[in-house]
Amino acid sequence: LNEYYLLSMIIGLVKTKISPATRSSNDTEAANRAIQVCTFLHTAR
């Protein structure tokens, strides 16, 4: 989880760095990824 969360956030940051106009969609994508994986882990455990 730590690796997935960190890399997804860094990907969102880098995408925003390349294209600031897509900041909102990048933020949403990073957040949804973290939420999806956390929800899965909660259910699986």
All heavy atoms as atom14 arrays in JSON, in Angstrom:
{
  "sequence": "LNEYYLLSMIIGLVKTKISPATRSSNDTEAANRAIQVCTFLHTAR",
  "atom14_mask": [
    [1, 1, 1, 1, 1, 1, 1, 1, 0, 0, 0, 0, 0, 0],
    [1, 1, 1, 1, 1, 1, 1, 1, 0, 0, 0, 0, 0, 0],
    [1, 1, 1, 1, 1, 1, 1, 1, 1, 0, 0, 0, 0, 0],
    [1, 1, 1, 1, 1, 1, 1, 1, 1, 1, 1, 1, 0, 0],
    [1, 1, 1, 1, 1, 1, 1, 1, 1, 1, 1, 1, 0, 0],
    [1, 1, 1, 1, 1, 1, 1, 1, 0, 0, 0, 0, 0, 0],
    [1, 1, 1, 1, 1, 1, 1, 1, 0, 0, 0, 0, 0, 0],
    [1, 1, 1, 1, 1, 1, 0, 0, 0, 0, 0, 0, 0, 0],
    [1, 1, 1, 1, 1, 1, 1, 1, 0, 0, 0, 0, 0, 0],
    [1, 1, 1, 1, 1, 1, 1, 1, 0, 0, 0, 0, 0, 0],
    [1, 1, 1, 1, 1, 1, 1, 1, 0, 0, 0, 0, 0, 0],
    [1, 1, 1, 1, 0, 0, 0, 0, 0, 0, 0, 0, 0, 0],
    [1, 1, 1, 1, 1, 1, 1, 1, 0, 0, 0, 0, 0, 0],
    [1, 1, 1, 1, 1, 1, 1, 0, 0, 0, 0, 0, 0, 0],
    [1, 1, 1, 1, 1, 1, 1, 1, 1, 0, 0, 0, 0, 0],
    [1, 1, 1, 1, 1, 1, 1, 0, 0, 0, 0, 0, 0, 0],
    [1, 1, 1, 1, 1, 1, 1, 1, 1, 0, 0, 0, 0, 0],
    [1, 1, 1, 1, 1, 1, 1, 1, 0, 0, 0, 0, 0, 0],
    [1, 1, 1, 1, 1, 1, 0, 0, 0, 0, 0, 0, 0, 0],
    [1, 1, 1, 1, 1, 1, 1, 0, 0, 0, 0, 0, 0, 0],
    [1, 1, 1, 1, 1, 0, 0, 0, 0, 0, 0, 0, 0, 0],
    [1, 1, 1, 1, 1, 1, 1, 0, 0, 0, 0, 0, 0, 0],
    [1, 1, 1, 1, 1, 1, 1, 1, 1, 1, 1, 0, 0, 0],
    [1, 1, 1, 1, 1, 1, 0, 0, 0, 0, 0, 0, 0, 0],
    [1, 1, 1, 1, 1, 1, 0, 0, 0, 0, 0, 0, 0, 0],
    [1, 1, 1, 1, 1, 1, 1, 1, 0, 0, 0, 0, 0, 0],
    [1, 1, 1, 1, 1, 1, 1, 1, 0, 0, 0, 0, 0, 0],
    [1, 1, 1, 1, 1, 1, 1, 0, 0, 0, 0, 0, 0, 0],
    [1, 1, 1, 1, 1, 1, 1, 1, 1, 0, 0, 0, 0, 0],
    [1, 1, 1, 1, 1, 0, 0, 0, 0, 0, 0, 0, 0, 0],
    [1, 1, 1, 1, 1, 0, 0, 0, 0, 0, 0, 0, 0, 0],
    [1, 1, 1, 1, 1, 1, 1, 1, 0, 0, 0, 0, 0, 0],
    [1, 1, 1, 1, 1, 1, 1, 1, 1, 1, 1, 0, 0, 0],
    [1, 1, 1, 1, 1, 0, 0, 0, 0, 0, 0, 0, 0, 0],
    [1, 1, 1, 1, 1, 1, 1, 1, 0, 0, 0, 0, 0, 0],
    [1, 1, 1, 1, 1, 1, 1, 1, 1, 0, 0, 0, 0, 0],
    [1, 1, 1, 1, 1, 1, 1, 0, 0, 0, 0, 0, 0, 0],
    [1, 1, 1, 1, 1, 1, 0, 0, 0, 0, 0, 0, 0, 0],
    [1, 1, 1, 1, 1, 1, 1, 0, 0, 0, 0, 0, 0, 0],
    [1, 1, 1, 1, 1, 1, 1, 1, 1, 1, 1, 0, 0, 0],
    [1, 1, 1, 1, 1, 1, 1, 1, 0, 0, 0, 0, 0, 0],
    [1, 1, 1, 1, 1, 1, 1, 1, 1, 1, 0, 0, 0, 0],
    [1, 1, 1, 1, 1, 1, 1, 0, 0, 0, 0, 0, 0, 0],
    [1, 1, 1, 1, 1, 0, 0, 0, 0, 0, 0, 0, 0, 0],
    [1, 1, 1, 1, 1, 1, 1, 1, 1, 1, 1, 0, 0, 0]
  ],
  "atom14_positions": [
    [[0.82, -1.21, 0.0], [0.0, 0.0, 0.0], [0.85, 1.26, 0.0], [0.56, 2.23, -0.71], [-0.94, 0.0, 1.2], [-1.79, 1.26, 1.4], [-2.65, 1.54, 0.18], [-2.67, 1.14, 2.64], [0.0, 0.0, 0.0], [0.0, 0.0, 0.0], [0.0, 0.0, 0.0], [0.0, 0.0, 0.0], [0.0, 0.0, 0.0], [0.0, 0.0, 0.0]],
    [[1.91, 1.29, 0.81], [2.76, 2.47, 0.88], [3.34, 2.82, -0.49], [3.32, 3.98, -0.91], [3.9, 2.23, 1.88], [3.89, 3.26, 2.99], [2.96, 4.02, 3.13], [4.94, 3.26, 3.78], [0.0, 0.0, 0.0], [0.0, 0.0, 0.0], [0.0, 0.0, 0.0], [0.0, 0.0, 0.0], [0.0, 0.0, 0.0], [0.0, 0.0, 0.0]],
    [[3.88, 1.82, -1.17], [4.48, 2.05, -2.47], [3.44, 2.53, -3.48], [3.68, 3.47, -4.24], [5.15, 0.77, -2.99], [6.43, 0.39, -2.27], [6.18, -0.42, -1.01], [5.0, -0.52, -0.59], [7.15, -0.94, -0.45], [0.0, 0.0, 0.0], [0.0, 0.0, 0.0], [0.0, 0.0, 0.0], [0.0, 0.0, 0.0], [0.0, 0.0, 0.0]],
    [[2.27, 1.89, -3.46], [1.22, 2.26, -4.4], [0.75, 3.69, -4.16], [0.6, 4.48, -5.1], [0.05, 1.3, -4.27], [-1.06, 1.54, -5.27], [-1.04, 0.93, -6.51], [-2.12, 2.4, -4.97], [-2.04, 1.15, -7.44], [-3.12, 2.63, -5.89], [-3.09, 2.01, -7.12], [-4.07, 2.25, -8.03], [0.0, 0.0, 0.0], [0.0, 0.0, 0.0]],
    [[0.53, 4.03, -2.91], [0.05, 5.37, -2.57], [1.07, 6.42, -2.97], [0.73, 7.43, -3.61], [-0.23, 5.44, -1.08], [-0.61, 6.8, -0.57], [-1.92, 7.26, -0.67], [0.33, 7.64, 0.01], [-2.28, 8.51, -0.21], [-0.02, 8.89, 0.48], [-1.31, 9.33, 0.37], [-1.65, 10.56, 0.83], [0.0, 0.0, 0.0], [0.0, 0.0, 0.0]],
    [[2.33, 6.2, -2.61], [3.36, 7.19, -2.91], [3.53, 7.37, -4.41], [3.58, 8.51, -4.91], [4.69, 6.75, -2.28], [5.89, 7.66, -2.53], [5.68, 9.01, -1.85], [7.18, 7.02, -2.03], [0.0, 0.0, 0.0], [0.0, 0.0, 0.0], [0.0, 0.0, 0.0], [0.0, 0.0, 0.0], [0.0, 0.0, 0.0], [0.0, 0.0, 0.0]],
    [[3.6, 6.27, -5.15], [3.81, 6.39, -6.59], [2.62, 7.03, -7.29], [2.79, 7.83, -8.21], [4.08, 5.0, -7.19], [4.46, 4.97, -8.67], [5.7, 5.82, -8.93], [4.7, 3.53, -9.14], [0.0, 0.0, 0.0], [0.0, 0.0, 0.0], [0.0, 0.0, 0.0], [0.0, 0.0, 0.0], [0.0, 0.0, 0.0], [0.0, 0.0, 0.0]],
    [[1.41, 6.72, -6.85], [0.24, 7.34, -7.48], [0.22, 8.85, -7.25], [-0.14, 9.62, -8.14], [-1.05, 6.69, -6.96], [-1.19, 6.91, -5.56], [0.0, 0.0, 0.0], [0.0, 0.0, 0.0], [0.0, 0.0, 0.0], [0.0, 0.0, 0.0], [0.0, 0.0, 0.0], [0.0, 0.0, 0.0], [0.0, 0.0, 0.0], [0.0, 0.0, 0.0]],
    [[0.61, 9.29, -6.05], [0.66, 10.73, -5.77], [1.76, 11.41, -6.58], [1.58, 12.52, -7.1], [0.88, 10.97, -4.28], [-0.31, 10.62, -3.41], [-1.74, 11.68, -3.79], [-3.0, 10.94, -2.74], [0.0, 0.0, 0.0], [0.0, 0.0, 0.0], [0.0, 0.0, 0.0], [0.0, 0.0, 0.0], [0.0, 0.0, 0.0], [0.0, 0.0, 0.0]],
    [[2.92, 10.77, -6.7], [4.01, 11.36, -7.47], [3.63, 11.43, -8.95], [3.96, 12.42, -9.63], [5.3, 10.55, -7.26], [5.82, 10.77, -5.83], [6.37, 10.95, -8.27], [7.06, 9.98, -5.49], [0.0, 0.0, 0.0], [0.0, 0.0, 0.0], [0.0, 0.0, 0.0], [0.0, 0.0, 0.0], [0.0, 0.0, 0.0], [0.0, 0.0, 0.0]],
    [[2.95, 10.41, -9.44], [2.49, 10.46, -10.84], [1.55, 11.65, -11.04], [1.64, 12.38, -12.03], [1.8, 9.14, -11.22], [2.82, 8.01, -11.34], [1.04, 9.28, -12.54], [2.22, 6.65, -11.6], [0.0, 0.0, 0.0], [0.0, 0.0, 0.0], [0.0, 0.0, 0.0], [0.0, 0.0, 0.0], [0.0, 0.0, 0.0], [0.0, 0.0, 0.0]],
    [[0.63, 11.85, -10.1], [-0.27, 13.0, -10.2], [0.49, 14.31, -10.19], [0.17, 15.24, -10.94], [0.0, 0.0, 0.0], [0.0, 0.0, 0.0], [0.0, 0.0, 0.0], [0.0, 0.0, 0.0], [0.0, 0.0, 0.0], [0.0, 0.0, 0.0], [0.0, 0.0, 0.0], [0.0, 0.0, 0.0], [0.0, 0.0, 0.0], [0.0, 0.0, 0.0]],
    [[1.5, 14.42, -9.32], [2.31, 15.64, -9.26], [3.05, 15.87, -10.57], [3.08, 17.0, -11.09], [3.31, 15.52, -8.09], [4.38, 16.62, -8.0], [3.74, 17.98, -7.76], [5.39, 16.29, -6.91], [0.0, 0.0, 0.0], [0.0, 0.0, 0.0], [0.0, 0.0, 0.0], [0.0, 0.0, 0.0], [0.0, 0.0, 0.0], [0.0, 0.0, 0.0]],
    [[3.66, 14.83, -11.11], [4.43, 14.97, -12.35], [3.51, 15.32, -13.52], [3.86, 16.15, -14.37], [5.22, 13.68, -12.63], [5.87, 13.74, -14.0], [6.27, 13.46, -11.55], [0.0, 0.0, 0.0], [0.0, 0.0, 0.0], [0.0, 0.0, 0.0], [0.0, 0.0, 0.0], [0.0, 0.0, 0.0], [0.0, 0.0, 0.0], [0.0, 0.0, 0.0]],
    [[2.33, 14.71, -13.58], [1.39, 15.05, -14.64], [0.99, 16.52, -14.57], [0.87, 17.2, -15.6], [0.15, 14.16, -14.54], [0.34, 12.75, -15.06], [-0.98, 11.99, -15.02], [-0.85, 10.61, -15.65], [-2.14, 9.87, -15.62], [0.0, 0.0, 0.0], [0.0, 0.0, 0.0], [0.0, 0.0, 0.0], [0.0, 0.0, 0.0], [0.0, 0.0, 0.0]],
    [[0.78, 16.99, -13.36], [0.44, 18.41, -13.19], [1.61, 19.3, -13.57], [1.42, 20.4, -14.11], [0.01, 18.67, -11.74], [-1.11, 17.84, -11.43], [-0.37, 20.13, -11.54], [0.0, 0.0, 0.0], [0.0, 0.0, 0.0], [0.0, 0.0, 0.0], [0.0, 0.0, 0.0], [0.0, 0.0, 0.0], [0.0, 0.0, 0.0], [0.0, 0.0, 0.0]],
    [[2.81, 18.84, -13.31], [4.0, 19.6, -13.66], [4.1, 19.74, -15.18], [4.46, 20.8, -15.7], [5.24, 18.87, -13.14], [6.48, 19.72, -13.02], [6.44, 20.58, -11.78], [7.77, 21.28, -11.57], [7.71, 22.17, -10.4], [0.0, 0.0, 0.0], [0.0, 0.0, 0.0], [0.0, 0.0, 0.0], [0.0, 0.0, 0.0], [0.0, 0.0, 0.0]],
    [[3.79, 18.66, -15.89], [3.85, 18.7, -17.35], [2.73, 19.56, -17.92], [2.95, 20.37, -18.83], [3.76, 17.27, -17.91], [4.97, 16.45, -17.49], [3.67, 17.3, -19.43], [4.89, 15.0, -17.92], [0.0, 0.0, 0.0], [0.0, 0.0, 0.0], [0.0, 0.0, 0.0], [0.0, 0.0, 0.0], [0.0, 0.0, 0.0], [0.0, 0.0, 0.0]],
    [[1.53, 19.38, -17.38], [0.36, 20.08, -17.92], [-0.47, 20.65, -16.77], [-1.35, 19.95, -16.24], [-0.48, 19.13, -18.77], [-1.63, 19.77, -19.26], [0.0, 0.0, 0.0], [0.0, 0.0, 0.0], [0.0, 0.0, 0.0], [0.0, 0.0, 0.0], [0.0, 0.0, 0.0], [0.0, 0.0, 0.0], [0.0, 0.0, 0.0], [0.0, 0.0, 0.0]],
    [[-0.18, 21.87, -16.33], [-0.94, 22.46, -15.2], [-2.43, 22.54, -15.44], [-3.21, 22.54, -14.48], [-0.32, 23.86, -15.07], [1.04, 23.74, -15.7], [0.88, 22.75, -16.81], [0.0, 0.0, 0.0], [0.0, 0.0, 0.0], [0.0, 0.0, 0.0], [0.0, 0.0, 0.0], [0.0, 0.0, 0.0], [0.0, 0.0, 0.0], [0.0, 0.0, 0.0]],
    [[-2.86, 22.57, -16.67], [-4.29, 22.69, -16.96], [-5.07, 21.45, -16.55], [-6.29, 21.51, -16.35], [-4.5, 22.97, -18.45], [0.0, 0.0, 0.0], [0.0, 0.0, 0.0], [0.0, 0.0, 0.0], [0.0, 0.0, 0.0], [0.0, 0.0, 0.0], [0.0, 0.0, 0.0], [0.0, 0.0, 0.0], [0.0, 0.0, 0.0], [0.0, 0.0, 0.0]],
    [[-4.38, 20.33, -16.4], [-5.05, 19.07, -16.04], [-4.97, 18.79, -14.54], [-5.17, 17.64, -14.13], [-4.42, 17.9, -16.82], [-3.02, 17.79, -16.46], [-4.52, 18.12, -18.31], [0.0, 0.0, 0.0], [0.0, 0.0, 0.0], [0.0, 0.0, 0.0], [0.0, 0.0, 0.0], [0.0, 0.0, 0.0], [0.0, 0.0, 0.0], [0.0, 0.0, 0.0]],
    [[-4.68, 19.8, -13.75], [-4.46, 19.59, -12.32], [-5.65, 18.94, -11.64], [-5.51, 17.99, -10.87], [-4.15, 20.92, -11.62], [-3.75, 20.76, -10.17], [-3.49, 22.09, -9.51], [-4.73, 22.82, -9.26], [-4.8, 23.96, -8.57], [-3.7, 24.52, -8.11], [-5.96, 24.56, -8.38], [0.0, 0.0, 0.0], [0.0, 0.0, 0.0], [0.0, 0.0, 0.0]],
    [[-6.84, 19.4, -11.93], [-8.03, 18.88, -11.26], [-8.24, 17.4, -11.55], [-8.5, 16.59, -10.65], [-9.27, 19.68, -11.69], [-10.43, 19.16, -11.1], [0.0, 0.0, 0.0], [0.0, 0.0, 0.0], [0.0, 0.0, 0.0], [0.0, 0.0, 0.0], [0.0, 0.0, 0.0], [0.0, 0.0, 0.0], [0.0, 0.0, 0.0], [0.0, 0.0, 0.0]],
    [[-8.11, 17.02, -12.83], [-8.31, 15.61, -13.18], [-7.19, 14.74, -12.61], [-7.43, 13.59, -12.21], [-8.37, 15.46, -14.7], [-7.16, 15.91, -15.31], [0.0, 0.0, 0.0], [0.0, 0.0, 0.0], [0.0, 0.0, 0.0], [0.0, 0.0, 0.0], [0.0, 0.0, 0.0], [0.0, 0.0, 0.0], [0.0, 0.0, 0.0], [0.0, 0.0, 0.0]],
    [[-5.97, 15.28, -12.54], [-4.86, 14.52, -11.95], [-5.09, 14.27, -10.47], [-4.83, 13.17, -9.96], [-3.55, 15.27, -12.15], [-3.18, 15.42, -13.61], [-3.58, 14.61, -14.45], [-2.42, 16.45, -13.92], [0.0, 0.0, 0.0], [0.0, 0.0, 0.0], [0.0, 0.0, 0.0], [0.0, 0.0, 0.0], [0.0, 0.0, 0.0], [0.0, 0.0, 0.0]],
    [[-5.58, 15.3, -9.78], [-5.86, 15.15, -8.35], [-6.94, 14.09, -8.11], [-6.81, 13.24, -7.22], [-6.33, 16.49, -7.76], [-5.23, 17.54, -7.78], [-4.1, 17.21, -8.17], [-5.51, 18.7, -7.4], [0.0, 0.0, 0.0], [0.0, 0.0, 0.0], [0.0, 0.0, 0.0], [0.0, 0.0, 0.0], [0.0, 0.0, 0.0], [0.0, 0.0, 0.0]],
    [[-7.98, 14.14, -8.91], [-9.07, 13.18, -8.77], [-8.6, 11.76, -9.05], [-8.96, 10.81, -8.35], [-10.23, 13.55, -9.7], [-10.67, 14.88, -9.4], [-11.38, 12.59, -9.56], [0.0, 0.0, 0.0], [0.0, 0.0, 0.0], [0.0, 0.0, 0.0], [0.0, 0.0, 0.0], [0.0, 0.0, 0.0], [0.0, 0.0, 0.0], [0.0, 0.0, 0.0]],
    [[-7.78, 11.61, -10.08], [-7.27, 10.28, -10.43], [-6.41, 9.72, -9.3], [-6.56, 8.54, -8.92], [-6.45, 10.37, -11.71], [-5.93, 9.03, -12.2], [-5.1, 9.17, -13.46], [-4.28, 10.12, -13.55], [-5.26, 8.34, -14.38], [0.0, 0.0, 0.0], [0.0, 0.0, 0.0], [0.0, 0.0, 0.0], [0.0, 0.0, 0.0], [0.0, 0.0, 0.0]],
    [[-5.51, 10.53, -8.73], [-4.65, 10.07, -7.63], [-5.49, 9.7, -6.42], [-5.23, 8.69, -5.75], [-3.63, 11.14, -7.28], [0.0, 0.0, 0.0], [0.0, 0.0, 0.0], [0.0, 0.0, 0.0], [0.0, 0.0, 0.0], [0.0, 0.0, 0.0], [0.0, 0.0, 0.0], [0.0, 0.0, 0.0], [0.0, 0.0, 0.0], [0.0, 0.0, 0.0]],
    [[-6.49, 10.51, -6.11], [-7.34, 10.24, -4.95], [-8.15, 8.96, -5.15], [-8.24, 8.13, -4.24], [-8.27, 11.42, -4.71], [0.0, 0.0, 0.0], [0.0, 0.0, 0.0], [0.0, 0.0, 0.0], [0.0, 0.0, 0.0], [0.0, 0.0, 0.0], [0.0, 0.0, 0.0], [0.0, 0.0, 0.0], [0.0, 0.0, 0.0], [0.0, 0.0, 0.0]],
    [[-8.72, 8.78, -6.33], [-9.53, 7.59, -6.59], [-8.69, 6.32, -6.51], [-9.17, 5.28, -6.03], [-10.19, 7.7, -7.96], [-11.3, 8.74, -7.99], [-11.83, 9.11, -6.94], [-11.65, 9.21, -9.17], [0.0, 0.0, 0.0], [0.0, 0.0, 0.0], [0.0, 0.0, 0.0], [0.0, 0.0, 0.0], [0.0, 0.0, 0.0], [0.0, 0.0, 0.0]],
    [[-7.45, 6.39, -6.97], [-6.58, 5.22, -6.88], [-6.34, 4.83, -5.42], [-6.42, 3.65, -5.05], [-5.26, 5.51, -7.58], [-5.34, 5.45, -9.1], [-4.07, 5.97, -9.74], [-4.04, 5.67, -11.17], [-3.16, 6.2, -12.02], [-2.25, 7.06, -11.6], [-3.21, 5.86, -13.31], [0.0, 0.0, 0.0], [0.0, 0.0, 0.0], [0.0, 0.0, 0.0]],
    [[-6.03, 5.82, -4.59], [-5.78, 5.53, -3.18], [-7.03, 4.98, -2.5], [-6.96, 4.02, -1.71], [-5.29, 6.79, -2.47], [0.0, 0.0, 0.0], [0.0, 0.0, 0.0], [0.0, 0.0, 0.0], [0.0, 0.0, 0.0], [0.0, 0.0, 0.0], [0.0, 0.0, 0.0], [0.0, 0.0, 0.0], [0.0, 0.0, 0.0], [0.0, 0.0, 0.0]],
    [[-8.17, 5.57, -2.78], [-9.42, 5.13, -2.16], [-9.77, 3.71, -2.59], [-10.19, 2.88, -1.77], [-10.56, 6.11, -2.52], [-10.29, 7.48, -1.89], [-11.91, 5.57, -2.08], [-11.23, 8.58, -2.39], [0.0, 0.0, 0.0], [0.0, 0.0, 0.0], [0.0, 0.0, 0.0], [0.0, 0.0, 0.0], [0.0, 0.0, 0.0], [0.0, 0.0, 0.0]],
    [[-9.59, 3.41, -3.87], [-9.93, 2.09, -4.39], [-9.09, 1.0, -3.72], [-9.61, -0.04, -3.29], [-9.72, 2.05, -5.9], [-10.02, 0.68, -6.53], [-9.64, 0.63, -8.0], [-8.95, 1.5, -8.5], [-10.1, -0.4, -8.7], [0.0, 0.0, 0.0], [0.0, 0.0, 0.0], [0.0, 0.0, 0.0], [0.0, 0.0, 0.0], [0.0, 0.0, 0.0]],
    [[-7.78, 1.23, -3.6], [-6.9, 0.22, -3.01], [-7.17, 0.07, -1.52], [-7.19, -1.05, -0.99], [-5.43, 0.58, -3.29], [-4.49, -0.31, -2.49], [-5.12, 0.45, -4.77], [0.0, 0.0, 0.0], [0.0, 0.0, 0.0], [0.0, 0.0, 0.0], [0.0, 0.0, 0.0], [0.0, 0.0, 0.0], [0.0, 0.0, 0.0], [0.0, 0.0, 0.0]],
    [[-7.39, 1.17, -0.83], [-7.68, 1.1, 0.61], [-8.99, 0.35, 0.86], [-9.1, -0.44, 1.8], [-7.74, 2.5, 1.21], [-6.14, 3.28, 1.42], [0.0, 0.0, 0.0], [0.0, 0.0, 0.0], [0.0, 0.0, 0.0], [0.0, 0.0, 0.0], [0.0, 0.0, 0.0], [0.0, 0.0, 0.0], [0.0, 0.0, 0.0], [0.0, 0.0, 0.0]],
    [[-9.98, 0.61, 0.03], [-11.26, -0.09, 0.17], [-11.09, -1.58, -0.04], [-11.66, -2.41, 0.68], [-12.28, 0.49, -0.82], [-12.43, 1.89, -0.6], [-13.63, -0.19, -0.66], [0.0, 0.0, 0.0], [0.0, 0.0, 0.0], [0.0, 0.0, 0.0], [0.0, 0.0, 0.0], [0.0, 0.0, 0.0], [0.0, 0.0, 0.0], [0.0, 0.0, 0.0]],
    [[-10.29, -1.95, -1.06], [-10.04, -3.37, -1.3], [-9.34, -4.01, -0.1], [-9.73, -5.1, 0.34], [-9.17, -3.54, -2.54], [-8.54, -4.9, -2.63], [-9.28, -6.01, -3.03], [-7.21, -5.09, -2.28], [-8.71, -7.27, -3.09], [-6.63, -6.34, -2.34], [-7.38, -7.43, -2.74], [0.0, 0.0, 0.0], [0.0, 0.0, 0.0], [0.0, 0.0, 0.0]],
    [[-8.31, -3.37, 0.42], [-7.58, -3.94, 1.55], [-8.47, -4.1, 2.77], [-8.38, -5.1, 3.49], [-6.37, -3.06, 1.9], [-5.13, -3.24, 1.03], [-4.06, -2.25, 1.43], [-4.6, -4.65, 1.13], [0.0, 0.0, 0.0], [0.0, 0.0, 0.0], [0.0, 0.0, 0.0], [0.0, 0.0, 0.0], [0.0, 0.0, 0.0], [0.0, 0.0, 0.0]],
    [[-9.33, -3.13, 3.01], [-10.25, -3.23, 4.15], [-11.16, -4.45, 3.99], [-11.35, -5.23, 4.93], [-11.08, -1.95, 4.24], [-12.16, -2.01, 5.28], [-11.88, -2.12, 6.63], [-13.51, -2.0, 5.17], [-13.01, -2.16, 7.31], [-14.02, -2.1, 6.45], [0.0, 0.0, 0.0], [0.0, 0.0, 0.0], [0.0, 0.0, 0.0], [0.0, 0.0, 0.0]],
    [[-11.7, -4.63, 2.79], [-12.59, -5.77, 2.54], [-11.83, -7.09, 2.61], [-12.31, -8.08, 3.19], [-13.26, -5.62, 1.17], [-13.93, -4.36, 1.1], [-14.25, -6.74, 0.92], [0.0, 0.0, 0.0], [0.0, 0.0, 0.0], [0.0, 0.0, 0.0], [0.0, 0.0, 0.0], [0.0, 0.0, 0.0], [0.0, 0.0, 0.0], [0.0, 0.0, 0.0]],
    [[-10.63, -7.12, 2.0], [-9.86, -8.37, 1.95], [-9.44, -8.81, 3.34], [-9.53, -10.0, 3.69], [-8.64, -8.17, 1.06], [0.0, 0.0, 0.0], [0.0, 0.0, 0.0], [0.0, 0.0, 0.0], [0.0, 0.0, 0.0], [0.0, 0.0, 0.0], [0.0, 0.0, 0.0], [0.0, 0.0, 0.0], [0.0, 0.0, 0.0], [0.0, 0.0, 0.0]],
    [[-8.97, -7.89, 4.15], [-8.51, -8.26, 5.49], [-9.68, -8.66, 6.38], [-9.53, -9.49, 7.27], [-7.71, -7.12, 6.09], [-6.35, -6.97, 5.42], [-5.58, -5.78, 5.91], [-4.26, -5.75, 5.28], [-3.42, -4.75, 5.36], [-3.76, -3.66, 6.05], [-2.24, -4.79, 4.78], [0.0, 0.0, 0.0], [0.0, 0.0, 0.0], [0.0, 0.0, 0.0]]
  ]
}
